[in-house]
Amino acid sequence: MTTRLPDDAEDEPRASADLADDPEGPNRILLITGMSGAGKTAALKALEDLGFECIDHLPLRLLPRL
């Protein structure tokens, strides 16, 4: 069962393609971590299908550049 947010909810998630069209939109980074076999790759593929940009195996030293 899912809970529907009100139509005027400001925090409603949007795909990154929608955010790219809005230069004033928030920049958010979602880090997905877990042990081997936890489903990280499946999660990344699902996010890509929703229009998000995904980077697998990003070195932590490059994180501040995002």
N, C-alpha and C. Protein backbone atom coordinates (compact mmCIF):
# COMPACT_ATOMS: atom_id res chain seq x y z
N MET A 1 0.84 -1.17 0.00
CA MET A 1 0.00 0.00 0.00
C MET A 1 0.89 1.24 0.00
N THR A 2 0.57 2.21 -0.83
CA THR A 2 1.35 3.44 -0.89
C THR A 2 0.53 4.60 -0.35
N THR A 3 1.22 5.56 0.20
CA THR A 3 0.58 6.77 0.70
C THR A 3 0.79 7.87 -0.31
N ARG A 4 -0.27 8.51 -0.71
CA ARG A 4 -0.19 9.59 -1.71
C ARG A 4 -0.01 10.92 -0.99
N LEU A 5 0.96 11.69 -1.45
CA LEU A 5 1.19 13.03 -0.92
C LEU A 5 0.16 14.00 -1.50
N PRO A 6 -0.15 15.06 -0.79
CA PRO A 6 -1.05 16.07 -1.35
C PRO A 6 -0.45 16.67 -2.62
N ASP A 7 -1.31 17.16 -3.50
CA ASP A 7 -0.85 17.73 -4.77
C ASP A 7 0.07 18.93 -4.57
N ASP A 8 -0.06 19.61 -3.45
CA ASP A 8 0.76 20.80 -3.21
C ASP A 8 2.04 20.48 -2.43
N ALA A 9 2.39 19.22 -2.31
CA ALA A 9 3.60 18.84 -1.57
C ALA A 9 4.83 19.35 -2.30
N GLU A 10 5.65 20.13 -1.60
CA GLU A 10 6.84 20.71 -2.21
C GLU A 10 7.98 19.72 -2.30
N ASP A 11 7.99 18.69 -1.47
CA ASP A 11 9.09 17.74 -1.44
C ASP A 11 8.82 16.51 -2.29
N GLU A 12 7.86 16.59 -3.19
CA GLU A 12 7.56 15.44 -4.03
C GLU A 12 8.76 15.13 -4.91
N PRO A 13 9.24 13.87 -4.90
CA PRO A 13 10.42 13.54 -5.69
C PRO A 13 10.16 13.70 -7.18
N ARG A 14 11.17 14.16 -7.90
CA ARG A 14 11.09 14.29 -9.35
C ARG A 14 12.31 13.62 -9.95
N ALA A 15 12.17 13.09 -11.14
CA ALA A 15 13.31 12.49 -11.83
C ALA A 15 14.32 13.57 -12.16
N SER A 16 15.58 13.18 -12.28
CA SER A 16 16.63 14.17 -12.54
C SER A 16 16.42 14.89 -13.86
N ALA A 17 15.74 14.25 -14.81
CA ALA A 17 15.46 14.93 -16.08
C ALA A 17 14.57 16.14 -15.83
N ASP A 18 13.61 16.03 -14.92
CA ASP A 18 12.76 17.16 -14.56
C ASP A 18 13.57 18.24 -13.85
N LEU A 19 14.47 17.84 -12.98
CA LEU A 19 15.29 18.80 -12.24
C LEU A 19 16.25 19.52 -13.16
N ALA A 20 16.72 18.85 -14.20
CA ALA A 20 17.66 19.48 -15.13
C ALA A 20 17.01 20.65 -15.86
N ASP A 21 15.70 20.59 -16.06
CA ASP A 21 14.98 21.67 -16.73
C ASP A 21 14.79 22.88 -15.82
N ASP A 22 15.00 22.70 -14.52
CA ASP A 22 14.79 23.76 -13.54
C ASP A 22 16.13 24.18 -12.95
N PRO A 23 16.74 25.27 -13.46
CA PRO A 23 18.05 25.67 -12.97
C PRO A 23 18.04 26.06 -11.50
N GLU A 24 16.88 26.39 -10.96
CA GLU A 24 16.77 26.73 -9.54
C GLU A 24 16.52 25.50 -8.68
N GLY A 25 16.38 24.33 -9.32
CA GLY A 25 16.08 23.10 -8.58
C GLY A 25 17.24 22.69 -7.68
N PRO A 26 16.92 21.89 -6.66
CA PRO A 26 17.96 21.47 -5.72
C PRO A 26 18.92 20.47 -6.35
N ASN A 27 20.16 20.54 -5.92
CA ASN A 27 21.14 19.53 -6.32
C ASN A 27 21.22 18.53 -5.19
N ARG A 28 20.91 17.30 -5.49
CA ARG A 28 20.91 16.26 -4.47
C ARG A 28 21.77 15.10 -4.93
N ILE A 29 22.44 14.50 -3.98
CA ILE A 29 23.25 13.31 -4.25
C ILE A 29 22.74 12.20 -3.36
N LEU A 30 22.48 11.06 -3.94
CA LEU A 30 22.03 9.88 -3.20
C LEU A 30 23.16 8.86 -3.26
N LEU A 31 23.69 8.49 -2.11
CA LEU A 31 24.73 7.47 -2.04
C LEU A 31 24.09 6.14 -1.69
N ILE A 32 24.37 5.14 -2.50
CA ILE A 32 23.85 3.80 -2.24
C ILE A 32 25.03 2.93 -1.88
N THR A 33 24.99 2.35 -0.69
CA THR A 33 26.08 1.50 -0.22
C THR A 33 25.52 0.17 0.23
N GLY A 34 26.39 -0.80 0.35
CA GLY A 34 25.97 -2.10 0.86
C GLY A 34 26.98 -3.17 0.54
N MET A 35 26.81 -4.27 1.18
CA MET A 35 27.69 -5.43 0.99
C MET A 35 27.42 -6.04 -0.40
N SER A 36 28.33 -6.88 -0.81
CA SER A 36 28.17 -7.59 -2.08
C SER A 36 26.87 -8.41 -2.04
N GLY A 37 26.08 -8.29 -3.10
CA GLY A 37 24.83 -9.04 -3.18
C GLY A 37 23.64 -8.35 -2.54
N ALA A 38 23.82 -7.12 -2.06
CA ALA A 38 22.74 -6.42 -1.37
C ALA A 38 21.73 -5.77 -2.32
N GLY A 39 22.05 -5.70 -3.61
CA GLY A 39 21.11 -5.12 -4.57
C GLY A 39 21.46 -3.73 -5.04
N LYS A 40 22.72 -3.33 -4.86
CA LYS A 40 23.13 -1.98 -5.28
C LYS A 40 22.96 -1.80 -6.78
N THR A 41 23.40 -2.77 -7.56
CA THR A 41 23.30 -2.67 -9.01
C THR A 41 21.84 -2.59 -9.46
N ALA A 42 20.99 -3.38 -8.85
CA ALA A 42 19.56 -3.34 -9.18
C ALA A 42 18.97 -1.97 -8.84
N ALA A 43 19.38 -1.40 -7.72
CA ALA A 43 18.90 -0.07 -7.33
C ALA A 43 19.36 0.98 -8.33
N LEU A 44 20.62 0.91 -8.75
CA LEU A 44 21.14 1.87 -9.74
C LEU A 44 20.39 1.76 -11.06
N LYS A 45 20.13 0.54 -11.50
CA LYS A 45 19.39 0.35 -12.76
C LYS A 45 17.97 0.92 -12.65
N ALA A 46 17.33 0.73 -11.51
CA ALA A 46 15.98 1.27 -11.32
C ALA A 46 16.00 2.79 -11.33
N LEU A 47 17.00 3.39 -10.69
CA LEU A 47 17.11 4.85 -10.69
C LEU A 47 17.40 5.38 -12.09
N GLU A 48 18.24 4.69 -12.85
CA GLU A 48 18.50 5.10 -14.23
C GLU A 48 17.22 5.05 -15.05
N ASP A 49 16.40 4.03 -14.84
CA ASP A 49 15.13 3.92 -15.56
C ASP A 49 14.20 5.09 -15.24
N LEU A 50 14.36 5.68 -14.06
CA LEU A 50 13.55 6.84 -13.66
C LEU A 50 14.14 8.16 -14.14
N GLY A 51 15.30 8.10 -14.80
CA GLY A 51 15.89 9.31 -15.35
C GLY A 51 17.02 9.91 -14.54
N PHE A 52 17.45 9.23 -13.49
CA PHE A 52 18.55 9.74 -12.68
C PHE A 52 19.89 9.40 -13.31
N GLU A 53 20.87 10.24 -13.08
CA GLU A 53 22.25 9.97 -13.50
C GLU A 53 22.89 9.12 -12.41
N CYS A 54 23.50 8.00 -12.78
CA CYS A 54 24.10 7.10 -11.80
C CYS A 54 25.57 6.86 -12.14
N ILE A 55 26.38 6.80 -11.10
CA ILE A 55 27.81 6.51 -11.25
C ILE A 55 28.12 5.34 -10.34
N ASP A 56 28.62 4.26 -10.90
CA ASP A 56 28.99 3.09 -10.12
C ASP A 56 30.48 3.15 -9.82
N HIS A 57 30.86 2.81 -8.63
CA HIS A 57 32.27 2.77 -8.19
C HIS A 57 32.95 4.14 -8.28
N LEU A 58 32.30 5.17 -7.79
CA LEU A 58 32.88 6.51 -7.76
C LEU A 58 33.91 6.59 -6.64
N PRO A 59 35.15 6.95 -6.94
CA PRO A 59 36.13 7.13 -5.86
C PRO A 59 35.68 8.27 -4.94
N LEU A 60 35.78 8.06 -3.64
CA LEU A 60 35.31 9.06 -2.67
C LEU A 60 36.02 10.39 -2.83
N ARG A 61 37.25 10.40 -3.30
CA ARG A 61 37.97 11.66 -3.45
C ARG A 61 37.34 12.54 -4.54
N LEU A 62 36.52 11.97 -5.41
CA LEU A 62 35.85 12.74 -6.46
C LEU A 62 34.47 13.25 -6.02
N LEU A 63 33.98 12.80 -4.89
CA LEU A 63 32.65 13.19 -4.42
C LEU A 63 32.49 14.70 -4.27
N PRO A 64 33.46 15.44 -3.72
CA PRO A 64 33.27 16.90 -3.59
C PRO A 64 33.09 17.61 -4.94
N ARG A 65 33.55 17.03 -6.02
CA ARG A 65 33.41 17.67 -7.34
C ARG A 65 31.99 17.57 -7.88
N LEU A 66 31.19 16.70 -7.32
CA LEU A 66 29.81 16.57 -7.78
C LEU A 66 29.00 17.71 -7.20
